C-alpha atoms as a PDB file:
ATOM      1  CA  MET A   1       3.191  51.382   2.924  1.00  0.00           C
ATOM      2  CA  CYS A   2       4.761  48.938   0.447  1.00  0.00           C
ATOM      3  CA  THR A   3       7.668  48.943  -2.129  1.00  0.00           C
ATOM      4  CA  SER A   4       7.547  46.706  -5.524  1.00  0.00           C
ATOM      5  CA  ILE A   5      10.359  46.199  -8.051  1.00  0.00           C
ATOM      6  CA  CYS A   6      11.128  44.560 -11.157  1.00  0.00           C
ATOM      7  CA  PHE A   7      14.904  43.371 -11.712  1.00  0.00           C
ATOM      8  CA  ARG A   8      15.894  41.821 -15.165  1.00  0.00           C
ATOM      9  CA  PRO A   9      19.486  40.626 -14.807  1.00  0.00           C
ATOM     10  CA  GLY A  10      18.937  38.005 -17.650  1.00  0.00           C
ATOM     11  CA  ASP A  11      15.433  36.365 -16.137  1.00  0.00           C
ATOM     12  CA  CYS A  12      12.883  38.743 -14.794  1.00  0.00           C
ATOM     13  CA  TYR A  13      12.398  39.023 -11.321  1.00  0.00           C
ATOM     14  CA  PHE A  14       9.429  40.556  -9.611  1.00  0.00           C
ATOM     15  CA  GLY A  15       8.387  41.140  -6.033  1.00  0.00           C
ATOM     16  CA  ARG A  16       7.488  43.583  -3.063  1.00  0.00           C
ATOM     17  CA  ASN A  17       7.610  44.437   0.288  1.00  0.00           C
ATOM     18  CA  LEU A  18       4.209  44.210   2.259  1.00  0.00           C
ATOM     19  CA  ASP A  19       4.771  46.879   4.954  1.00  0.00           C
ATOM     20  CA  VAL A  20       1.553  46.658   7.453  1.00  0.00           C
ATOM     21  CA  GLU A  21       1.115  46.734  11.109  1.00  0.00           C
ATOM     22  CA  PHE A  22      -0.898  43.239  11.213  1.00  0.00           C
ATOM     23  CA  SER A  23      -0.908  40.103   9.259  1.00  0.00           C
ATOM     24  CA  PHE A  24      -3.808  38.905   6.920  1.00  0.00           C
ATOM     25  CA  CYS A  25      -3.423  35.217   7.399  1.00  0.00           C
ATOM     26  CA  GLU A  26      -1.685  35.061   3.880  1.00  0.00           C
ATOM     27  CA  GLU A  27       0.200  32.166   2.160  1.00  0.00           C
ATOM     28  CA  VAL A  28       1.534  31.042  -0.861  1.00  0.00           C
ATOM     29  CA  VAL A  29      -1.185  30.056  -3.222  1.00  0.00           C
ATOM     30  CA  ILE A  30      -1.068  28.602  -6.753  1.00  0.00           C
ATOM     31  CA  THR A  31      -4.459  29.020  -8.788  1.00  0.00           C
ATOM     32  CA  PRO A  32      -4.562  26.308 -11.300  1.00  0.00           C
ATOM     33  CA  ARG A  33      -5.670  27.047 -14.677  1.00  0.00           C
ATOM     34  CA  ARG A  34      -9.160  25.436 -14.110  1.00  0.00           C
ATOM     35  CA  PHE A  35     -10.055  27.523 -11.089  1.00  0.00           C
ATOM     36  CA  HIS A  36     -13.338  29.350 -11.152  1.00  0.00           C
ATOM     37  CA  PHE A  37     -13.922  32.771  -9.656  1.00  0.00           C
ATOM     38  CA  ALA A  38     -17.324  34.024  -8.901  1.00  0.00           C
ATOM     39  CA  PHE A  39     -16.931  37.859  -9.636  1.00  0.00           C
ATOM     40  CA  LYS A  40     -19.259  40.486  -8.119  1.00  0.00           C
ATOM     41  CA  ASP A  41     -20.929  41.479 -11.163  1.00  0.00           C
ATOM     42  CA  GLY A  42     -22.469  38.028 -11.225  1.00  0.00           C
ATOM     43  CA  ARG A  43     -19.680  36.573 -14.042  1.00  0.00           C
ATOM     44  CA  ASP A  44     -18.024  33.338 -13.830  1.00  0.00           C
ATOM     45  CA  PHE A  45     -14.279  33.919 -14.758  1.00  0.00           C
ATOM     46  CA  GLN A  46     -11.936  31.113 -15.329  1.00  0.00           C
ATOM     47  CA  ASN A  47      -8.218  32.064 -15.714  1.00  0.00           C
ATOM     48  CA  GLN A  48      -6.588  30.802 -18.687  1.00  0.00           C
ATOM     49  CA  TYR A  49      -3.010  30.921 -17.321  1.00  0.00           C
ATOM     50  CA  ALA A  50      -2.011  29.505 -13.649  1.00  0.00           C
ATOM     51  CA  LEU A  51      -0.639  32.047 -11.302  1.00  0.00           C
ATOM     52  CA  ILE A  52       1.419  31.830  -8.130  1.00  0.00           C
ATOM     53  CA  GLY A  53       1.829  34.414  -5.460  1.00  0.00           C
ATOM     54  CA  MET A  54       1.028  35.579  -2.006  1.00  0.00           C
ATOM     55  CA  ALA A  55      -2.764  35.863  -0.922  1.00  0.00           C
ATOM     56  CA  ALA A  56      -5.409  35.452   1.777  1.00  0.00           C
ATOM     57  CA  VAL A  57      -7.723  32.816   1.052  1.00  0.00           C
ATOM     58  CA  ILE A  58     -11.201  33.988   2.227  1.00  0.00           C
ATOM     59  CA  ASP A  59     -14.502  32.117   1.191  1.00  0.00           C
ATOM     60  CA  GLY A  60     -12.224  29.938  -1.083  1.00  0.00           C
ATOM     61  CA  THR A  61     -11.241  32.806  -3.144  1.00  0.00           C
ATOM     62  CA  PRO A  62      -7.421  33.786  -3.480  1.00  0.00           C
ATOM     63  CA  LEU A  63      -7.018  37.696  -2.746  1.00  0.00           C
ATOM     64  CA  TYR A  64      -3.663  38.131  -3.847  1.00  0.00           C
ATOM     65  CA  TYR A  65      -1.114  40.784  -2.815  1.00  0.00           C
ATOM     66  CA  ASP A  66       1.268  39.984  -5.594  1.00  0.00           C
ATOM     67  CA  ALA A  67       1.618  37.174  -8.039  1.00  0.00           C
ATOM     68  CA  THR A  68       2.870  36.133 -11.430  1.00  0.00           C
ATOM     69  CA  ASN A  69       1.213  33.869 -14.132  1.00  0.00           C
ATOM     70  CA  GLU A  70       2.929  30.945 -16.193  1.00  0.00           C
ATOM     71  CA  ALA A  71       3.671  33.128 -19.145  1.00  0.00           C
ATOM     72  CA  GLY A  72       5.738  35.672 -16.838  1.00  0.00           C
ATOM     73  CA  LEU A  73       3.467  38.496 -16.323  1.00  0.00           C
ATOM     74  CA  SER A  74       3.441  39.978 -12.673  1.00  0.00           C
ATOM     75  CA  MET A  75       1.351  42.307 -10.878  1.00  0.00           C
ATOM     76  CA  ALA A  76       1.183  43.967  -7.138  1.00  0.00           C
ATOM     77  CA  GLY A  77      -1.228  45.874  -5.503  1.00  0.00           C
ATOM     78  CA  LEU A  78       0.128  48.800  -2.873  1.00  0.00           C
ATOM     79  CA  ASN A  79      -1.791  50.923  -0.839  1.00  0.00           C
ATOM     80  CA  PHE A  80      -3.164  54.168  -2.497  1.00  0.00           C
ATOM     81  CA  PRO A  81      -5.187  55.873   0.580  1.00  0.00           C
ATOM     82  CA  ASN A  82      -7.320  58.997  -0.105  1.00  0.00           C
ATOM     83  CA  ASN A  83      -6.300  58.560  -3.633  1.00  0.00           C
ATOM     84  CA  ALA A  84      -7.951  55.472  -4.912  1.00  0.00           C
ATOM     85  CA  VAL A  85     -11.522  56.217  -6.343  1.00  0.00           C
ATOM     86  CA  TYR A  86     -13.970  53.272  -7.329  1.00  0.00           C
ATOM     87  CA  LEU A  87     -16.921  53.946  -9.435  1.00  0.00           C
ATOM     88  CA  ASP A  88     -20.390  52.500  -9.796  1.00  0.00           C
ATOM     89  CA  PRO A  89     -20.702  49.389 -12.363  1.00  0.00           C
ATOM     90  CA  GLN A  90     -21.353  50.639 -15.773  1.00  0.00           C
ATOM     91  CA  GLU A  91     -23.150  48.650 -18.455  1.00  0.00           C
ATOM     92  CA  GLY A  92     -21.054  48.172 -21.420  1.00  0.00           C
ATOM     93  CA  LYS A  93     -17.685  47.876 -19.448  1.00  0.00           C
ATOM     94  CA  ASP A  94     -15.891  44.957 -17.630  1.00  0.00           C
ATOM     95  CA  ASN A  95     -16.637  45.881 -14.321  1.00  0.00           C
ATOM     96  CA  VAL A  96     -14.197  44.356 -11.782  1.00  0.00           C
ATOM     97  CA  THR A  97     -13.469  45.099  -8.197  1.00  0.00           C
ATOM     98  CA  SER A  98     -10.032  45.779  -6.894  1.00  0.00           C
ATOM     99  CA  SER A  99      -9.602  42.406  -5.332  1.00  0.00           C
ATOM    100  CA  GLU A 100     -10.516  41.009  -8.757  1.00  0.00           C
ATOM    101  CA  LEU A 101      -8.375  42.888 -11.078  1.00  0.00           C
ATOM    102  CA  LEU A 102      -4.943  41.234 -10.738  1.00  0.00           C
ATOM    103  CA  VAL A 103      -6.716  37.651 -11.284  1.00  0.00           C
ATOM    104  CA  TYR A 104      -8.448  39.276 -14.087  1.00  0.00           C
ATOM    105  CA  LEU A 105      -5.429  40.394 -16.095  1.00  0.00           C
ATOM    106  CA  LEU A 106      -2.970  37.800 -15.136  1.00  0.00           C
ATOM    107  CA  GLY A 107      -5.614  34.928 -15.678  1.00  0.00           C
ATOM    108  CA  GLN A 108      -5.916  36.082 -19.639  1.00  0.00           C
ATOM    109  CA  ALA A 109      -2.830  38.248 -20.570  1.00  0.00           C
ATOM    110  CA  ARG A 110       0.788  37.013 -21.266  1.00  0.00           C
ATOM    111  CA  THR A 111       2.367  40.589 -21.558  1.00  0.00           C
ATOM    112  CA  VAL A 112       2.143  44.079 -20.554  1.00  0.00           C
ATOM    113  CA  ALA A 113       0.720  44.944 -23.805  1.00  0.00           C
ATOM    114  CA  GLU A 114      -2.157  42.432 -23.875  1.00  0.00           C
ATOM    115  CA  ALA A 115      -3.391  43.654 -20.535  1.00  0.00           C
ATOM    116  CA  LYS A 116      -3.239  47.339 -21.755  1.00  0.00           C
ATOM    117  CA  LYS A 117      -5.815  46.278 -24.590  1.00  0.00           C
ATOM    118  CA  ILE A 118      -7.906  44.531 -21.846  1.00  0.00           C
ATOM    119  CA  LEU A 119      -7.741  47.664 -19.473  1.00  0.00           C
ATOM    120  CA  LYS A 120      -9.170  49.773 -22.108  1.00  0.00           C
ATOM    121  CA  ASN A 121     -12.560  48.639 -21.072  1.00  0.00           C
ATOM    122  CA  VAL A 122     -11.997  47.922 -17.504  1.00  0.00           C
ATOM    123  CA  ARG A 123     -13.795  49.791 -14.876  1.00  0.00           C
ATOM    124  CA  LEU A 124     -12.967  49.292 -10.948  1.00  0.00           C
ATOM    125  CA  THR A 125     -16.026  49.127  -9.353  1.00  0.00           C
ATOM    126  CA  ASN A 126     -17.051  49.765  -5.590  1.00  0.00           C
ATOM    127  CA  ILE A 127     -18.361  46.847  -4.695  1.00  0.00           C
ATOM    128  CA  PRO A 128     -16.708  45.270  -1.495  1.00  0.00           C
ATOM    129  CA  PHE A 129     -15.529  41.650  -1.556  1.00  0.00           C
ATOM    130  CA  ASN A 130     -17.983  41.160   1.418  1.00  0.00           C
ATOM    131  CA  ALA A 131     -20.112  43.040   3.878  1.00  0.00           C
ATOM    132  CA  SER A 132     -17.218  42.616   6.587  1.00  0.00           C
ATOM    133  CA  MET A 133     -14.231  43.721   4.223  1.00  0.00           C
ATOM    134  CA  PRO A 134     -14.540  47.297   3.019  1.00  0.00           C
ATOM    135  CA  LEU A 135     -12.770  48.329   0.044  1.00  0.00           C
ATOM    136  CA  ALA A 136      -8.723  48.274  -0.257  1.00  0.00           C
ATOM    137  CA  PRO A 137      -7.281  51.842  -1.517  1.00  0.00           C
ATOM    138  CA  LEU A 138      -4.904  50.240  -3.959  1.00  0.00           C
ATOM    139  CA  HIS A 139      -2.964  51.204  -6.954  1.00  0.00           C
ATOM    140  CA  PHE A 140      -1.094  48.568  -9.088  1.00  0.00           C
ATOM    141  CA  MET A 141       2.182  47.827 -10.524  1.00  0.00           C
ATOM    142  CA  LEU A 142       2.334  45.235 -13.700  1.00  0.00           C
ATOM    143  CA  SER A 143       5.474  43.953 -15.309  1.00  0.00           C
ATOM    144  CA  ASP A 144       7.016  41.690 -17.682  1.00  0.00           C
ATOM    145  CA  LYS A 145      10.281  40.680 -19.413  1.00  0.00           C
ATOM    146  CA  THR A 146      10.608  44.152 -20.977  1.00  0.00           C
ATOM    147  CA  GLU A 147       8.154  46.780 -19.366  1.00  0.00           C
ATOM    148  CA  SER A 148       6.366  48.126 -16.347  1.00  0.00           C
ATOM    149  CA  ILE A 149       3.455  50.135 -15.953  1.00  0.00           C
ATOM    150  CA  VAL A 150       1.392  51.581 -13.188  1.00  0.00           C
ATOM    151  CA  ILE A 151      -2.631  51.398 -13.020  1.00  0.00           C
ATOM    152  CA  GLU A 152      -4.374  53.910 -10.819  1.00  0.00           C
ATOM    153  CA  PRO A 153      -7.957  54.052 -10.311  1.00  0.00           C
ATOM    154  CA  THR A 154      -9.225  57.838 -10.275  1.00  0.00           C
ATOM    155  CA  ALA A 155     -12.545  59.561 -10.615  1.00  0.00           C
ATOM    156  CA  GLU A 156     -12.165  59.734 -14.392  1.00  0.00           C
ATOM    157  CA  GLY A 157     -11.515  56.275 -14.600  1.00  0.00           C
ATOM    158  CA  LEU A 158      -8.215  54.234 -14.583  1.00  0.00           C
ATOM    159  CA  LYS A 159      -4.878  56.082 -15.089  1.00  0.00           C
ATOM    160  CA  ILE A 160      -2.074  54.123 -16.950  1.00  0.00           C
ATOM    161  CA  TYR A 161       1.397  55.166 -16.599  1.00  0.00           C
ATOM    162  CA  GLU A 162       4.563  53.878 -18.281  1.00  0.00           C
ATOM    163  CA  ASN A 163       7.043  53.059 -15.534  1.00  0.00           C
ATOM    164  CA  PRO A 164      10.692  53.709 -16.904  1.00  0.00           C
ATOM    165  CA  TYR A 165      12.119  52.799 -13.111  1.00  0.00           C
ATOM    166  CA  ASP A 166      10.248  49.470 -12.674  1.00  0.00           C
ATOM    167  CA  VAL A 167       9.785  50.804  -9.050  1.00  0.00           C
ATOM    168  CA  MET A 168       6.294  51.525  -7.014  1.00  0.00           C
ATOM    169  CA  THR A 169       5.631  52.623  -3.725  1.00  0.00           C
ATOM    170  CA  ASN A 170       2.376  54.755  -2.284  1.00  0.00           C
ATOM    171  CA  ASN A 171       1.172  58.161  -2.171  1.00  0.00           C
ATOM    172  CA  PRO A 172       1.338  60.594  -3.855  1.00  0.00           C
ATOM    173  CA  PRO A 173       0.065  59.353  -7.270  1.00  0.00           C
ATOM    174  CA  PHE A 174       2.657  58.038  -9.725  1.00  0.00           C
ATOM    175  CA  PRO A 175       3.154  61.479 -11.633  1.00  0.00           C
ATOM    176  CA  TYR A 176       4.510  63.128  -8.392  1.00  0.00           C
ATOM    177  CA  HIS A 177       7.208  60.192  -8.201  1.00  0.00           C
ATOM    178  CA  MET A 178       8.224  60.896 -11.713  1.00  0.00           C
ATOM    179  CA  TRP A 179       8.856  64.683 -11.305  1.00  0.00           C
ATOM    180  CA  ASN A 180      10.308  64.157  -7.779  1.00  0.00           C
ATOM    181  CA  MET A 181      13.166  62.068  -9.413  1.00  0.00           C
ATOM    182  CA  GLN A 182      14.441  65.303 -10.892  1.00  0.00           C
ATOM    183  CA  ASN A 183      15.587  66.461  -7.802  1.00  0.00           C
ATOM    184  CA  TYR A 184      18.030  63.505  -7.453  1.00  0.00           C
ATOM    185  CA  LEU A 185      19.800  63.747 -10.747  1.00  0.00           C
ATOM    186  CA  ASN A 186      23.145  64.456  -9.370  1.00  0.00           C
ATOM    187  CA  LEU A 187      23.476  61.337  -7.159  1.00  0.00           C
ATOM    188  CA  SER A 188      26.001  58.672  -8.363  1.00  0.00           C
ATOM    189  CA  PRO A 189      27.460  55.605  -7.136  1.00  0.00           C
ATOM    190  CA  ALA A 190      31.095  56.786  -8.090  1.00  0.00           C
ATOM    191  CA  PHE A 191      33.550  57.716  -5.657  1.00  0.00           C
ATOM    192  CA  GLY A 192      32.932  61.328  -4.618  1.00  0.00           C
ATOM    193  CA  GLU A 193      34.597  64.172  -6.182  1.00  0.00           C
ATOM    194  CA  ASN A 194      34.766  68.251  -5.655  1.00  0.00           C
ATOM    195  CA  ARG A 195      32.136  70.105  -7.364  1.00  0.00           C
ATOM    196  CA  PHE A 196      31.887  72.581  -4.858  1.00  0.00           C
ATOM    197  CA  THR A 197      34.174  75.031  -6.315  1.00  0.00           C
ATOM    198  CA  GLU A 198      37.948  74.740  -7.498  1.00  0.00           C
ATOM    199  CA  LYS A 199      38.843  77.473  -4.762  1.00  0.00           C
ATOM    200  CA  TYR A 200      38.840  74.729  -2.113  1.00  0.00           C
ATOM    201  CA  GLU A 201      40.980  71.551  -1.718  1.00  0.00           C
ATOM    202  CA  LEU A 202      37.979  69.370  -0.637  1.00  0.00           C
ATOM    203  CA  LYS A 203      38.091  65.506  -0.951  1.00  0.00           C
ATOM    204  CA  PRO A 204      36.192  62.856   0.154  1.00  0.00           C
ATOM    205  CA  PHE A 205      36.746  60.937   3.543  1.00  0.00           C
ATOM    206  CA  GLY A 206      34.998  57.567   2.455  1.00  0.00           C
ATOM    207  CA  VAL A 207      33.123  55.790  -0.169  1.00  0.00           C
ATOM    208  CA  GLY A 208      29.544  56.495  -0.536  1.00  0.00           C
ATOM    209  CA  MET A 209      29.791  60.140  -0.697  1.00  0.00           C
ATOM    210  CA  GLY A 210      28.796  60.448  -4.343  1.00  0.00           C
ATOM    211  CA  ALA A 211      25.363  59.621  -3.113  1.00  0.00           C
ATOM    212  CA  ILE A 212      24.882  62.071  -0.373  1.00  0.00           C
ATOM    213  CA  GLY A 213      21.410  63.381  -0.463  1.00  0.00           C
ATOM    214  CA  LEU A 214      19.955  59.919  -0.905  1.00  0.00           C
ATOM    215  CA  PRO A 215      16.871  60.066   1.121  1.00  0.00           C
ATOM    216  CA  GLY A 216      16.843  57.614   4.131  1.00  0.00           C
ATOM    217  CA  ASP A 217      13.437  57.787   5.751  1.00  0.00           C
ATOM    218  CA  ALA A 218      10.648  55.472   5.282  1.00  0.00           C
ATOM    219  CA  SER A 219       8.261  57.873   3.507  1.00  0.00           C
ATOM    220  CA  SER A 220       6.781  56.549   0.218  1.00  0.00           C
ATOM    221  CA  ALA A 221       8.395  59.203  -1.990  1.00  0.00           C
ATOM    222  CA  SER A 222      11.874  58.636  -0.308  1.00  0.00           C
ATOM    223  CA  ARG A 223      11.538  55.034  -0.583  1.00  0.00           C
ATOM    224  CA  PHE A 224      10.997  55.336  -4.329  1.00  0.00           C
ATOM    225  CA  VAL A 225      13.994  57.383  -4.831  1.00  0.00           C
ATOM    226  CA  ARG A 226      16.280  55.084  -2.809  1.00  0.00           C
ATOM    227  CA  VAL A 227      15.127  51.886  -4.158  1.00  0.00           C
ATOM    228  CA  ALA A 228      15.075  53.314  -7.862  1.00  0.00           C
ATOM    229  CA  PHE A 229      18.800  54.443  -7.263  1.00  0.00           C
ATOM    230  CA  HIS A 230      19.877  51.268  -6.034  1.00  0.00           C
ATOM    231  CA  LEU A 231      17.938  49.304  -8.784  1.00  0.00           C
ATOM    232  CA  ALA A 232      19.456  51.130 -11.406  1.00  0.00           C
ATOM    233  CA  ASN A 233      23.008  50.405 -10.107  1.00  0.00           C
ATOM    234  CA  ALA A 234      22.514  46.983  -9.214  1.00  0.00           C
ATOM    235  CA  ALA A 235      24.857  44.341 -10.215  1.00  0.00           C
ATOM    236  CA  LYS A 236      23.716  41.574 -12.279  1.00  0.00           C
ATOM    237  CA  GLY A 237      24.620  38.047 -10.912  1.00  0.00           C
ATOM    238  CA  GLU A 238      25.390  34.870 -13.198  1.00  0.00           C
ATOM    239  CA  SER A 239      23.436  32.534 -11.154  1.00  0.00           C
ATOM    240  CA  GLU A 240      19.861  32.153  -9.793  1.00  0.00           C
ATOM    241  CA  GLU A 241      21.329  32.169  -6.163  1.00  0.00           C
ATOM    242  CA  GLU A 242      23.125  35.345  -6.836  1.00  0.00           C
ATOM    243  CA  ASN A 243      20.317  37.248  -8.207  1.00  0.00           C
ATOM    244  CA  VAL A 244      17.542  36.377  -5.889  1.00  0.00           C
ATOM    245  CA  SER A 245      20.080  37.333  -3.201  1.00  0.00           C
ATOM    246  CA  GLN A 246      20.603  40.662  -4.883  1.00  0.00           C
ATOM    247  CA  PHE A 247      16.933  41.317  -5.262  1.00  0.00           C
ATOM    248  CA  PHE A 248      16.262  40.760  -1.451  1.00  0.00           C
ATOM    249  CA  HIS A 249      19.115  43.104  -0.774  1.00  0.00           C
ATOM    250  CA  LEU A 250      17.159  45.776  -2.908  1.00  0.00           C
ATOM    251  CA  LEU A 251      14.118  45.158  -1.075  1.00  0.00           C
ATOM    252  CA  ASP A 252      16.139  45.371   2.532  1.00  0.00           C
ATOM    253  CA  SER A 253      17.207  48.603   1.317  1.00  0.00           C
ATOM    254  CA  VAL A 254      13.766  50.257   1.611  1.00  0.00           C
ATOM    255  CA  ALA A 255      12.534  47.796   4.748  1.00  0.00           C
ATOM    256  CA  MET A 256      10.681  48.747   7.502  1.00  0.00           C
ATOM    257  CA  LEU A 257      12.155  47.883  10.972  1.00  0.00           C
ATOM    258  CA  LYS A 258       9.996  47.098  13.922  1.00  0.00           C
ATOM    259  CA  GLY A 259      10.080  50.392  16.192  1.00  0.00           C
ATOM    260  CA  SER A 260      11.188  52.695  13.582  1.00  0.00           C
ATOM    261  CA  THR A 261       8.042  53.756  11.888  1.00  0.00           C
ATOM    262  CA  LEU A 262       4.617  54.076  13.659  1.00  0.00           C
ATOM    263  CA  THR A 263       1.177  54.384  12.310  1.00  0.00           C
ATOM    264  CA  LYS A 264      -1.357  57.183  13.131  1.00  0.00           C
ATOM    265  CA  ASP A 265      -2.282  54.614  15.821  1.00  0.00           C
ATOM    266  CA  GLY A 266       1.008  54.201  17.326  1.00  0.00           C
ATOM    267  CA  LYS A 267       1.028  50.323  15.961  1.00  0.00           C
ATOM    268  CA  ASN A 268       4.590  49.204  14.415  1.00  0.00           C
ATOM    269  CA  ASP A 269       4.463  49.397  10.541  1.00  0.00           C
ATOM    270  CA  ILE A 270       7.042  46.329   9.504  1.00  0.00           C
ATOM    271  CA  THR A 271       7.884  44.584   6.573  1.00  0.00           C
ATOM    272  CA  LEU A 272       5.903  41.639   7.269  1.00  0.00           C
ATOM    273  CA  TYR A 273       7.451  39.538   4.074  1.00  0.00           C
ATOM    274  CA  SER A 274       9.276  40.156   1.356  1.00  0.00           C
ATOM    275  CA  SER A 275       8.820  38.340  -2.349  1.00  0.00           C
ATOM    276  CA  CYS A 276      10.738  37.678  -5.312  1.00  0.00           C
ATOM    277  CA  CYS A 277       9.422  35.868  -8.277  1.00  0.00           C
ATOM    278  CA  ASN A 278      11.394  34.450 -10.808  1.00  0.00           C
ATOM    279  CA  ALA A 279       8.837  34.915 -13.585  1.00  0.00           C
ATOM    280  CA  ASP A 280      10.493  32.954 -16.335  1.00  0.00           C
ATOM    281  CA  LYS A 281      10.865  30.145 -14.248  1.00  0.00           C
ATOM    282  CA  GLY A 282       7.636  30.318 -12.067  1.00  0.00           C
ATOM    283  CA  ILE A 283       9.695  30.140  -8.832  1.00  0.00           C
ATOM    284  CA  TYR A 284       8.184  32.279  -5.796  1.00  0.00           C
ATOM    285  CA  TYR A 285      10.488  33.132  -3.116  1.00  0.00           C
ATOM    286  CA  TYR A 286       9.748  34.843   0.333  1.00  0.00           C
ATOM    287  CA  LYS A 287      10.870  35.586   3.439  1.00  0.00           C
ATOM    288  CA  ARG A 288       9.135  37.065   6.707  1.00  0.00           C
ATOM    289  CA  TYR A 289      10.014  39.473   9.307  1.00  0.00           C
ATOM    290  CA  GLU A 290      10.154  36.535  11.759  1.00  0.00           C
ATOM    291  CA  ASN A 291      12.045  34.353   9.848  1.00  0.00           C
ATOM    292  CA  ASN A 292      14.928  35.660   7.378  1.00  0.00           C
ATOM    293  CA  ARG A 293      15.585  32.244   5.659  1.00  0.00           C
ATOM    294  CA  ILE A 294      14.353  32.380   2.059  1.00  0.00           C
ATOM    295  CA  THR A 295      11.636  29.851   0.953  1.00  0.00           C
ATOM    296  CA  ALA A 296      10.833  28.857  -2.104  1.00  0.00           C
ATOM    297  CA  VAL A 297       7.938  27.293  -4.211  1.00  0.00           C
ATOM    298  CA  ASN A 298       8.130  26.196  -7.939  1.00  0.00           C
ATOM    299  CA  MET A 299       4.585  26.419  -9.668  1.00  0.00           C
ATOM    300  CA  HIS A 300       5.346  23.827 -12.066  1.00  0.00           C
ATOM    301  CA  HIS A 301       6.112  21.267  -9.413  1.00  0.00           C
ATOM    302  CA  ALA A 302       2.285  21.487  -9.105  1.00  0.00           C
ATOM    303  CA  ASP A 303      -0.495  20.119 -11.059  1.00  0.00           C
ATOM    304  CA  LEU A 304      -1.506  23.337 -13.003  1.00  0.00           C
ATOM    305  CA  ASP A 305      -4.544  21.756 -14.560  1.00  0.00           C
ATOM    306  CA  GLY A 306      -6.224  21.360 -11.464  1.00  0.00           C
ATOM    307  CA  GLU A 307      -9.396  23.156 -10.303  1.00  0.00           C
ATOM    308  CA  LYS A 308      -8.647  23.385  -6.652  1.00  0.00           C
ATOM    309  CA  LEU A 309      -6.449  26.106  -5.009  1.00  0.00           C
ATOM    310  CA  ILE A 310      -2.626  24.728  -3.968  1.00  0.00           C
ATOM    311  CA  CYS A 311      -1.796  26.450  -0.567  1.00  0.00           C
ATOM    312  CA  TYR A 312       1.518  26.908   1.206  1.00  0.00           C
ATOM    313  CA  PRO A 313       1.318  28.042   4.844  1.00  0.00           C
ATOM    314  CA  ILE A 314       3.941  30.580   5.684  1.00  0.00           C
ATOM    315  CA  ARG A 315       6.948  29.375   7.439  1.00  0.00           C
ATOM    316  CA  LYS A 316       7.112  31.901  10.356  1.00  0.00           C
ATOM    317  CA  ALA A 317       9.408  30.401  12.819  1.00  0.00           C
ATOM    318  CA  GLN A 318      13.108  31.792  12.466  1.00  0.00           C
ATOM    319  CA  ASP A 319      15.274  29.002  11.032  1.00  0.00           C
ATOM    320  CA  PHE A 320      19.110  28.830  11.965  1.00  0.00           C
ATOM    321  CA  TYR A 321      21.945  26.940  10.502  1.00  0.00           C
ATOM    322  CA  PHE A 322      24.007  25.552  13.256  1.00  0.00           C
ATOM    323  CA  GLU A 323      27.736  24.833  12.116  1.00  0.00           C
ATOM    324  CA  ASN A 324      28.578  22.726  15.148  1.00  0.00           C
END
């Protein structure tokens, strides 16, 4: 259960909620330009562009959940169970795994348009990262300053969808979410008015009644509609502080509260972290379920020409500001 969005009040902001029942020992990771990835097909891949995002570093390799490169291209992988289909490697194709796709695209593309050209020859393969880590069923959202797309692995290969809503959640596949939005075309942020009939004098008894019918449950279809509505109508600020705050409020509108959403095994599905990256400035902001204070990491304050990963452990303990 996850949600990703892209917000463009001037600068481009990209981020996501990671909704899971356990932690993967993730941290904020900067991958410099000279870092080498050992891909599963035997290739040595060196990224052209530095990346910053949230990742679990396993065997020296950053497995990113979401990231932004120094050119301003951003990407997130979201859970896509029972729908993601990975294929056998094929000669003549760029065979990459689901754990490699994010760095493969962000490492060499500056825009969504450039990434689309790369994707034409990409084949997502069914090779796990290692013997103890099964393949994670994922689909992906990719965004830049002007557009977003959704990438979904199917039995026929990768499906690429234009994403006018700048929103992605989980199942069902993306075409369903596009179709489902038609059910909510009457929603409005405006003060409510009587459209029922002229025969009755019906009056709103409070604000917000123009959006009665906006779904409030935690399902992926409902989260898609809810955050798309808020994002489409979100006020744009004049400062970095205003826009970052607005971005986190957007994610909060679809966040998981401990105890309110349980997995099939009865575990709490919570918003483990929320992220917001100013893709133009390369500043990665995040907060945790345990710590609502926003922490920031600026990729341009690090050595982007290095060869080693630069990692920042997550600040989990809740911070308080005492006034007296």
